[in-house]
Protein backbone atom coordinates (compact mmCIF):
# COMPACT_ATOMS: atom_id res chain seq x y z
CA MET A 1 -3.53 30.69 7.56
CA SER A 2 -6.69 28.59 7.86
CA LEU A 3 -8.94 28.06 4.90
CA PRO A 4 -12.38 29.72 4.80
CA ASN A 5 -15.41 27.63 5.76
CA LEU A 6 -17.78 26.23 3.15
CA LEU A 7 -21.02 24.33 3.79
CA LEU A 8 -21.71 21.49 1.34
CA VAL A 9 -25.40 20.54 1.47
CA THR A 10 -26.23 17.24 -0.22
CA PRO A 11 -29.05 14.66 -0.23
CA SER A 12 -26.59 11.74 -0.18
CA LEU A 13 -23.27 10.67 1.27
CA PRO A 14 -20.26 11.85 -0.80
CA SER A 15 -18.60 8.54 -1.60
CA LEU A 16 -16.23 7.19 -4.24
CA THR A 17 -18.48 4.13 -4.54
CA GLY A 18 -22.24 4.07 -4.93
CA THR A 19 -24.78 5.96 -7.02
CA GLY A 20 -24.12 8.76 -9.46
CA THR A 21 -25.33 11.25 -6.87
CA MET A 22 -22.79 9.97 -4.35
CA LEU A 23 -19.99 10.06 -6.90
CA ARG A 24 -20.74 13.63 -8.03
CA SER A 25 -20.91 14.80 -4.41
CA ALA A 26 -17.59 13.06 -3.79
CA MET A 27 -15.83 14.78 -6.67
CA SER A 28 -17.19 18.13 -5.50
CA LEU A 29 -15.97 17.51 -1.95
CA GLU A 30 -12.54 16.45 -3.15
CA SER A 31 -12.20 19.56 -5.30
CA LEU A 32 -13.65 22.07 -2.82
CA SER A 33 -11.47 20.80 0.03
CA THR A 34 -8.37 22.21 -1.70
CA ARG A 35 -9.77 25.75 -1.25
CA PHE A 36 -12.05 25.54 1.79
CA GLN A 37 -12.68 23.82 5.08
CA VAL A 38 -15.71 21.88 3.92
CA HIS A 39 -18.48 21.06 6.40
CA VAL A 40 -20.75 18.40 4.89
CA LEU A 41 -24.45 18.42 5.74
CA ASN A 42 -26.12 15.29 4.38
CA LEU A 43 -29.90 15.47 4.53
CA ASN A 44 -30.19 11.80 3.67
CA LEU A 45 -33.04 11.72 1.16
CA TRP A 46 -31.42 8.79 -0.67
CA SER A 47 -29.83 5.71 0.79
CA THR A 48 -26.19 5.80 1.91
CA ARG A 49 -26.11 2.13 2.85
CA PHE A 50 -23.63 1.31 0.12
CA GLY A 51 -21.36 4.32 0.34
CA LYS A 52 -18.18 4.62 2.37
CA LEU A 53 -17.36 7.29 4.94
CA SER A 54 -13.62 7.30 4.20
CA LEU A 55 -13.76 10.35 1.89
CA VAL A 56 -15.67 12.60 4.31
CA HIS A 57 -13.33 11.54 7.11
CA ASN A 58 -10.28 12.41 4.99
CA ARG A 59 -11.53 15.55 3.26
CA ALA A 60 -14.29 17.19 5.30
CA ALA A 61 -13.78 19.44 8.32
CA SER A 62 -17.01 17.97 9.74
CA TYR A 63 -19.76 15.60 8.64
CA THR A 64 -23.38 15.78 9.79
CA GLU A 65 -26.09 13.40 8.65
CA VAL A 66 -29.76 14.20 9.20
CA PRO A 67 -32.40 11.52 8.46
CA GLY A 68 -34.24 12.29 5.24
CA GLY A 69 -37.62 12.08 6.88
CA SER A 70 -36.78 14.71 9.47
CA GLN A 71 -38.98 17.78 9.41
CA VAL A 72 -36.33 20.48 9.75
CA ASP A 73 -35.78 23.98 8.45
CA GLY A 74 -32.54 25.51 7.33
CA GLY A 75 -32.28 27.97 10.18
CA ALA A 76 -32.70 25.24 12.79
CA LEU A 77 -29.99 23.17 11.13
CA LEU A 78 -27.55 26.07 11.29
CA ASP A 79 -28.33 26.74 14.95
CA ASN A 80 -28.13 23.09 15.97
CA PHE A 81 -25.07 21.90 14.08
CA PHE A 82 -23.00 24.96 13.13
CA PRO A 83 -23.37 27.54 15.91
CA GLY A 84 -20.94 30.40 15.47
CA VAL A 85 -19.48 29.09 12.18
CA GLN A 86 -19.17 31.80 9.53
CA PHE A 87 -19.46 30.32 6.05
CA ALA A 88 -17.82 32.06 3.12
CA ALA A 89 -19.85 29.89 0.74
CA ILE A 90 -22.66 27.35 0.62
CA HIS A 91 -22.47 24.74 -2.13
CA THR A 92 -25.86 23.10 -2.61
CA TYR A 93 -26.37 19.87 -4.50
CA ARG A 94 -29.71 19.30 -6.26
CA LEU A 95 -32.92 21.31 -6.38
CA ALA A 96 -34.30 19.31 -3.45
CA MET A 97 -31.74 21.01 -1.16
CA ALA A 98 -32.05 24.53 -2.59
CA ARG A 99 -35.20 25.49 -0.69
CA LEU A 100 -33.58 24.32 2.56
CA VAL A 101 -30.55 26.56 1.94
CA VAL A 102 -32.70 29.59 1.08
CA GLY A 103 -34.37 29.04 4.45
CA MET A 104 -30.97 29.40 6.14
CA LEU A 105 -30.29 32.87 4.82
CA PRO A 106 -32.38 34.90 7.35
CA ARG A 107 -30.26 33.39 10.16
CA ILE A 108 -26.94 34.38 8.58
CA LYS A 109 -25.41 37.69 9.52
CA SER A 110 -23.90 39.93 6.84
CA PRO A 111 -21.99 39.31 4.66
CA LEU A 112 -24.07 36.60 3.09
CA PRO A 113 -22.12 33.58 1.80
CA TYR A 114 -21.44 32.99 -1.86
CA LEU A 115 -24.22 30.64 -3.00
CA VAL A 116 -23.67 27.89 -5.57
CA LEU A 117 -26.42 25.51 -6.69
CA ASP A 118 -25.36 22.33 -8.46
CA LEU A 119 -28.52 21.16 -10.21
CA ASP A 120 -26.58 18.32 -11.88
CA ASP A 121 -29.26 17.79 -14.52
CA ASP A 122 -32.40 19.55 -15.76
CA GLU A 123 -35.17 18.08 -13.63
CA CYS A 124 -37.86 19.77 -15.75
CA GLU A 125 -36.59 18.08 -18.89
CA LEU A 126 -36.15 14.79 -17.03
CA SER A 127 -39.74 14.93 -15.81
CA SER A 128 -40.91 15.39 -19.39
CA HIS A 129 -38.84 12.39 -20.53
CA LEU A 130 -40.19 10.23 -17.70
CA SER A 131 -43.81 11.10 -18.41
CA SER A 132 -43.35 10.02 -22.03
CA LEU A 133 -41.66 6.84 -20.84
CA LEU A 134 -44.54 5.99 -18.52
CA GLU A 135 -47.04 6.68 -21.30
CA ASP A 136 -45.21 4.29 -23.61
CA GLY A 137 -45.01 1.75 -20.78
CA ASN A 138 -48.79 1.66 -20.37
CA ASP A 139 -48.83 3.71 -17.17
CA PRO A 140 -51.06 6.63 -18.19
CA GLN A 141 -51.89 7.46 -14.57
CA GLY A 142 -48.23 7.84 -13.64
CA ALA A 143 -47.60 9.89 -16.78
CA SER A 144 -50.56 12.15 -15.97
CA GLN A 145 -49.33 12.73 -12.41
CA LEU A 146 -45.88 13.71 -13.63
CA ARG A 147 -47.28 16.11 -16.22
CA ALA A 148 -49.57 17.70 -13.63
CA ALA A 149 -46.56 18.35 -11.37
CA GLN A 150 -44.37 19.86 -14.10
CA PRO A 151 -45.65 23.49 -13.84
CA GLN A 152 -44.95 23.49 -10.10
CA LEU A 153 -41.50 21.98 -10.65
CA ARG A 154 -40.67 24.60 -13.28
CA MET A 155 -41.87 27.41 -10.98
CA LEU A 156 -39.76 26.05 -8.11
CA GLN A 157 -36.72 25.84 -10.36
CA LYS A 158 -37.24 29.42 -11.56
CA MET A 159 -37.77 30.84 -8.06
CA LEU A 160 -34.74 29.10 -6.55
CA THR A 161 -32.33 29.45 -9.47
CA HIS A 162 -32.30 33.24 -9.21
CA ARG A 163 -31.44 33.13 -5.51
CA PHE A 164 -27.97 31.68 -6.16
CA ASP A 165 -24.80 33.39 -7.38
CA ALA A 166 -23.86 30.49 -9.66
CA ILE A 167 -25.69 27.48 -11.11
CA CYS A 168 -23.89 24.27 -12.17
CA MET A 169 -24.96 21.63 -14.67
CA ALA A 170 -23.23 18.39 -15.67
CA SER A 171 -24.07 18.71 -19.36
CA LEU A 172 -23.23 21.51 -21.78
CA HIS A 173 -26.60 20.86 -23.43
CA ASP A 174 -28.40 21.43 -20.12
CA CYS A 175 -26.31 24.58 -19.53
CA ARG A 176 -27.49 26.05 -22.83
CA VAL A 177 -31.13 25.13 -22.16
CA LEU A 178 -31.11 26.61 -18.65
CA ALA A 179 -29.31 29.80 -19.70
CA ALA A 180 -31.94 30.38 -22.40
CA ARG A 181 -34.77 29.60 -19.97
CA TYR A 182 -33.51 31.96 -17.25
CA PRO A 183 -31.67 34.94 -18.80
CA GLY A 184 -29.39 36.60 -16.30
CA ALA A 185 -28.64 33.43 -14.33
CA SER A 186 -24.94 32.53 -14.07
CA VAL A 187 -24.96 29.01 -15.53
CA ASN A 188 -21.69 27.06 -15.38
CA HIS A 189 -20.55 23.72 -16.76
CA LEU A 190 -19.35 21.43 -13.95
CA PRO A 191 -18.74 18.08 -15.65
CA ASN A 192 -19.07 14.74 -13.98
CA GLY A 193 -15.76 13.09 -13.26
CA VAL A 194 -14.19 9.76 -12.39
CA ARG A 195 -10.97 8.68 -10.80
CA ILE A 196 -8.62 7.46 -13.51
CA PRO A 197 -7.02 4.13 -12.50
CA GLU A 198 -3.26 3.87 -12.94
CA ASN A 199 -3.52 0.36 -14.39
CA PRO A 200 -7.11 -0.05 -15.57
CA CYS A 201 -8.27 -3.66 -15.32
CA ALA A 202 -4.61 -4.76 -15.37
CA ASP A 203 -4.70 -4.30 -19.18
CA ARG A 204 -7.12 -7.21 -19.55
CA VAL A 205 -8.34 -7.57 -23.13
CA PRO A 206 -12.15 -7.15 -23.25
CA TYR A 207 -12.71 -10.10 -25.58
CA ARG A 208 -10.77 -12.71 -27.56
CA GLU A 209 -12.20 -14.62 -30.48
CA GLY A 210 -13.68 -17.94 -29.43
CA GLU A 211 -14.24 -16.93 -25.81
CA ALA A 212 -17.59 -16.46 -24.11
CA ALA A 213 -18.56 -12.78 -24.21
CA LYS A 214 -19.89 -10.95 -21.17
CA ILE A 215 -22.10 -7.89 -21.68
CA LEU A 216 -22.49 -5.48 -18.74
CA PHE A 217 -25.15 -2.97 -17.74
CA VAL A 218 -24.54 -0.79 -14.66
CA GLY A 219 -26.92 1.61 -12.92
CA ALA A 220 -29.24 2.34 -10.02
CA LEU A 221 -31.84 -0.22 -11.00
CA ASN A 222 -34.75 1.46 -9.22
CA TYR A 223 -34.23 4.62 -11.33
CA PRO A 224 -36.97 4.53 -14.01
CA PRO A 225 -34.73 5.33 -17.02
CA ASN A 226 -32.36 2.51 -15.99
CA THR A 227 -35.26 0.13 -15.38
CA ASP A 228 -36.70 0.88 -18.81
CA GLY A 229 -33.32 0.76 -20.51
CA ILE A 230 -32.23 -2.66 -19.28
CA CYS A 231 -35.69 -4.15 -19.87
CA PHE A 232 -35.66 -2.75 -23.42
CA PHE A 233 -32.22 -4.28 -23.97
CA CYS A 234 -33.16 -7.69 -22.55
CA GLU A 235 -36.47 -7.93 -24.37
CA ARG A 236 -35.62 -6.45 -27.77
CA VAL A 237 -31.83 -6.33 -28.27
CA PHE A 238 -30.16 -9.19 -26.39
CA PRO A 239 -32.19 -11.92 -28.18
CA LEU A 240 -31.00 -10.53 -31.53
CA ILE A 241 -27.37 -10.66 -30.38
CA GLN A 242 -27.82 -14.21 -29.07
CA LYS A 243 -29.41 -15.30 -32.35
CA THR A 244 -26.66 -13.99 -34.63
CA SER A 245 -23.45 -13.96 -32.56
CA GLY A 246 -22.51 -17.62 -32.83
CA ILE A 247 -20.63 -17.42 -29.51
CA PRO A 248 -21.64 -18.05 -25.88
CA LEU A 249 -23.06 -14.85 -24.39
CA SER A 250 -24.03 -13.69 -20.93
CA LEU A 251 -25.47 -10.45 -19.59
CA GLN A 252 -24.63 -9.06 -16.16
CA VAL A 253 -26.97 -6.44 -14.71
CA VAL A 254 -25.36 -4.69 -11.74
CA GLY A 255 -26.80 -1.95 -9.54
CA SER A 256 -28.61 -1.04 -6.37
CA ASP A 257 -32.16 -2.02 -5.42
CA PRO A 258 -33.41 -3.94 -8.48
CA PRO A 259 -37.24 -3.75 -8.66
CA PRO A 260 -39.26 -6.90 -9.42
CA ARG A 261 -39.40 -6.09 -13.14
CA VAL A 262 -35.60 -6.12 -13.32
CA ALA A 263 -35.16 -9.11 -10.98
CA LEU A 264 -37.39 -11.16 -13.28
CA LEU A 265 -34.96 -10.68 -16.16
CA SER A 266 -32.84 -13.46 -14.64
CA ARG A 267 -35.46 -15.94 -15.83
CA ASN A 268 -33.31 -15.93 -18.95
CA PRO A 269 -30.47 -18.31 -17.97
CA ALA A 270 -27.98 -16.06 -19.79
CA VAL A 271 -28.91 -13.05 -17.60
CA THR A 272 -27.68 -12.52 -14.04
CA VAL A 273 -29.02 -9.64 -11.93
CA TYR A 274 -26.74 -8.51 -9.09
CA GLY A 275 -28.07 -6.18 -6.44
CA ASN A 276 -25.89 -4.06 -4.21
CA VAL A 277 -22.23 -4.97 -4.70
CA PRO A 278 -19.29 -3.64 -2.65
CA SER A 279 -17.32 -2.59 -5.75
CA ILE A 280 -18.33 -2.23 -9.37
CA GLU A 281 -14.80 -2.33 -10.82
CA PRO A 282 -14.44 -6.15 -10.93
CA TYR A 283 -17.60 -6.36 -13.05
CA TYR A 284 -16.26 -3.79 -15.48
CA CYS A 285 -12.94 -5.62 -15.71
CA ASP A 286 -14.74 -8.91 -16.38
CA ALA A 287 -16.88 -7.37 -19.14
CA SER A 288 -16.36 -7.77 -22.88
CA LEU A 289 -18.73 -4.90 -23.64
CA CYS A 290 -20.68 -2.23 -21.74
CA VAL A 291 -24.13 -1.15 -22.89
CA VAL A 292 -26.08 2.03 -22.10
CA PRO A 293 -29.50 1.47 -23.74
CA LEU A 294 -31.25 4.43 -22.11
CA ARG A 295 -34.34 5.98 -23.69
CA ALA A 296 -34.95 8.72 -21.08
CA GLY A 297 -32.93 10.91 -18.73
CA SER A 298 -30.86 14.08 -18.64
CA GLY A 299 -27.44 15.16 -17.42
CA THR A 300 -24.48 12.91 -18.24
CA ARG A 301 -23.98 9.21 -17.66
CA ILE A 302 -21.21 8.42 -15.18
CA LYS A 303 -21.48 4.78 -16.30
CA ILE A 304 -20.02 5.79 -19.68
CA LEU A 305 -17.15 7.65 -18.00
CA GLU A 306 -16.46 4.63 -15.78
CA ALA A 307 -16.43 2.27 -18.77
CA PHE A 308 -14.05 4.57 -20.67
CA SER A 309 -11.70 4.95 -17.69
CA LEU A 310 -11.53 1.15 -17.32
CA ARG A 311 -10.97 0.66 -21.06
CA ARG A 312 -14.20 -1.20 -21.76
CA PRO A 313 -15.79 -0.86 -25.23
CA THR A 314 -19.19 0.82 -25.05
CA VAL A 315 -22.40 0.94 -27.06
CA SER A 316 -25.05 3.52 -26.12
CA THR A 317 -28.21 5.08 -27.39
CA ARG A 318 -27.80 8.69 -28.48
CA LEU A 319 -29.85 9.84 -25.50
CA GLY A 320 -27.70 7.69 -23.22
CA ALA A 321 -24.61 9.60 -24.34
CA GLU A 322 -26.32 13.01 -24.52
CA GLY A 323 -24.38 15.75 -22.77
CA LEU A 324 -21.01 14.12 -23.47
CA ASP A 325 -18.88 15.52 -26.29
CA VAL A 326 -18.32 12.12 -27.87
CA THR A 327 -18.52 11.00 -31.50
CA HIS A 328 -20.03 7.85 -32.94
CA GLY A 329 -17.23 5.64 -34.21
CA GLU A 330 -14.54 7.56 -32.30
CA GLN A 331 -14.98 6.74 -28.61
CA LEU A 332 -18.04 4.46 -28.77
CA LEU A 333 -20.86 3.31 -31.00
CA LEU A 334 -24.30 4.91 -30.90
CA ALA A 335 -27.56 3.24 -31.93
CA ASP A 336 -31.22 3.61 -31.02
CA GLU A 337 -33.25 0.92 -32.79
CA PRO A 338 -33.00 -2.69 -31.53
CA GLU A 339 -31.52 -4.06 -34.76
CA ASP A 340 -28.96 -1.23 -34.99
CA PHE A 341 -28.00 -1.61 -31.33
CA ALA A 342 -27.51 -5.37 -31.75
CA ARG A 343 -25.33 -4.83 -34.85
CA ALA A 344 -23.22 -2.28 -32.97
CA CYS A 345 -22.66 -4.73 -30.11
CA LEU A 346 -21.61 -7.47 -32.52
CA HIS A 347 -19.27 -5.07 -34.32
CA MET A 348 -17.56 -4.22 -31.02
CA LEU A 349 -17.12 -7.91 -30.23
CA ASN A 350 -15.93 -9.02 -33.65
CA ASP A 351 -13.86 -6.15 -35.07
CA THR A 352 -10.77 -6.12 -32.86
CA GLY A 353 -9.00 -3.27 -34.65
CA SER A 354 -11.97 -0.92 -34.57
CA ARG A 355 -12.72 -1.79 -30.96
CA ASP A 356 -9.15 -1.20 -29.78
CA ARG A 357 -8.99 2.14 -31.61
CA MET A 358 -12.20 3.33 -29.91
CA VAL A 359 -11.06 2.11 -26.49
CA ASN A 360 -7.79 4.05 -26.82
CA SER A 361 -9.62 7.16 -27.99
CA ALA A 362 -12.15 6.91 -25.14
CA ASP A 363 -9.36 6.51 -22.58
CA ALA A 364 -7.58 9.65 -23.80
CA TRP A 365 -10.87 11.57 -23.97
CA VAL A 366 -11.98 10.78 -20.42
CA ARG A 367 -8.54 11.61 -19.02
CA SER A 368 -8.59 14.97 -20.78
CA ASN A 369 -12.17 15.98 -19.95
CA HIS A 370 -13.45 14.17 -16.86
CA SER A 371 -10.60 13.63 -14.40
CA ILE A 372 -10.38 15.28 -10.97
CA THR A 373 -8.08 17.85 -12.62
CA SER A 374 -10.90 18.78 -15.00
CA ILE A 375 -13.31 19.13 -12.09
CA GLN A 376 -10.83 21.31 -10.20
CA ARG A 377 -10.46 23.68 -13.17
CA ALA A 378 -14.22 24.03 -13.52
CA MET A 379 -14.73 24.52 -9.78
CA ASP A 380 -12.03 27.20 -9.62
CA ALA A 381 -13.78 29.11 -12.41
CA ILE A 382 -17.13 28.90 -10.60
CA TYR A 383 -15.61 30.20 -7.35
CA ARG A 384 -13.28 32.76 -8.94
CA PRO A 385 -15.37 35.80 -7.81
CA LEU A 386 -15.34 34.62 -4.20
CA LEU A 387 -11.67 33.59 -4.21
CA ALA A 388 -10.69 36.99 -5.58
CA ARG A 389 -12.75 38.72 -2.88
CA LEU A 390 -11.24 36.57 -0.13
CA GLY A 391 -7.77 37.30 -1.43
CA GLU A 392 -8.42 41.02 -1.15
CA SER A 393 -9.67 40.59 2.41
CA GLY A 394 -6.54 38.80 3.54
CA VAL A 395 -7.60 35.17 3.12
CA PRO A 396 -5.66 34.13 0.01
CA PRO A 397 -6.70 31.24 -2.24
CA GLN A 398 -4.62 28.14 -1.57
CA ASP A 399 -3.81 25.02 -3.54
CA THR A 400 -2.72 22.87 -0.60
CA ALA A 401 -4.79 19.69 -0.32
CA ARG A 402 -5.47 18.58 3.22
């Protein structure tokens, strides 16, 4: 018996390499394809230049990409690309796509599909963080523009959230905030996930005494919290580590589309800025230490999950690790002030026993909480009402992966 149809609407290509948005879309596609024939509609608001099409070819029943600048409405998209297809569900990724999906509903004959909106993070809270960041960065005009747009963003979130049967968030913190903000909304925790390598980094030891140490920062470099975070680290933390470490140090900054402010960091001969790389894993495996010095943002940081899964020791700000159920001194070290962050980095490099204990704990934690199995469990719970209804109507839930 064929699986029911589901439409996955996303602003980026689902890909196992690329940005956090691509990776979250990819994990959703991989999980949903065990229960549905997934038709992917990518309204390409964000670049897919560095993603790979292999996952959509292997997992999706169809893949349609529409240029992000296209002026289209939801009904027209259904008529043009999915004529006659009856969708049991529509899974929508990000608030930017929610209005498009609501516009599809008048064209859909009864029964209406089960509607799921994956917000990923709380864009209202993120906007507030970013405005404060711009204010601190001497950009009062940018901060003022963001604050002026916040009431409209909050109204849009409120209007669209109540149109969906289930809402998903990556962070338990964001789930609690949204549930309190919109009583009656069905808010569900859908954690971010990573593929767990069978032999992470070929068991390479992060750092041996006497060697040169390589510090790694990973992220979409044109994303303001990442831009601020790595500049903060280079300007206020890295010099302290260099001054007191007594060992050769280098810093690798890896991510897509570095803006001029980030590119200029390579004026320090110990800093190398890499732009768009085909695979991030070799940089993780070459790293002695991963840093997440973020001072703004929401949701959860896939970069921390990647570092854990590849057995790299990690130091983060508390905000950088917000939304992850981790403990300072257990899976990683947390520090916010420059001096504290520098000391934490040096501790990770110099205390082999403590570092190895945290790496082992982080590896077990990410396997237990953020593998594809974890995503599948969460997704099954979100779709349980629909799967039960389909089972009653003669289309039973199935576990067979295609």
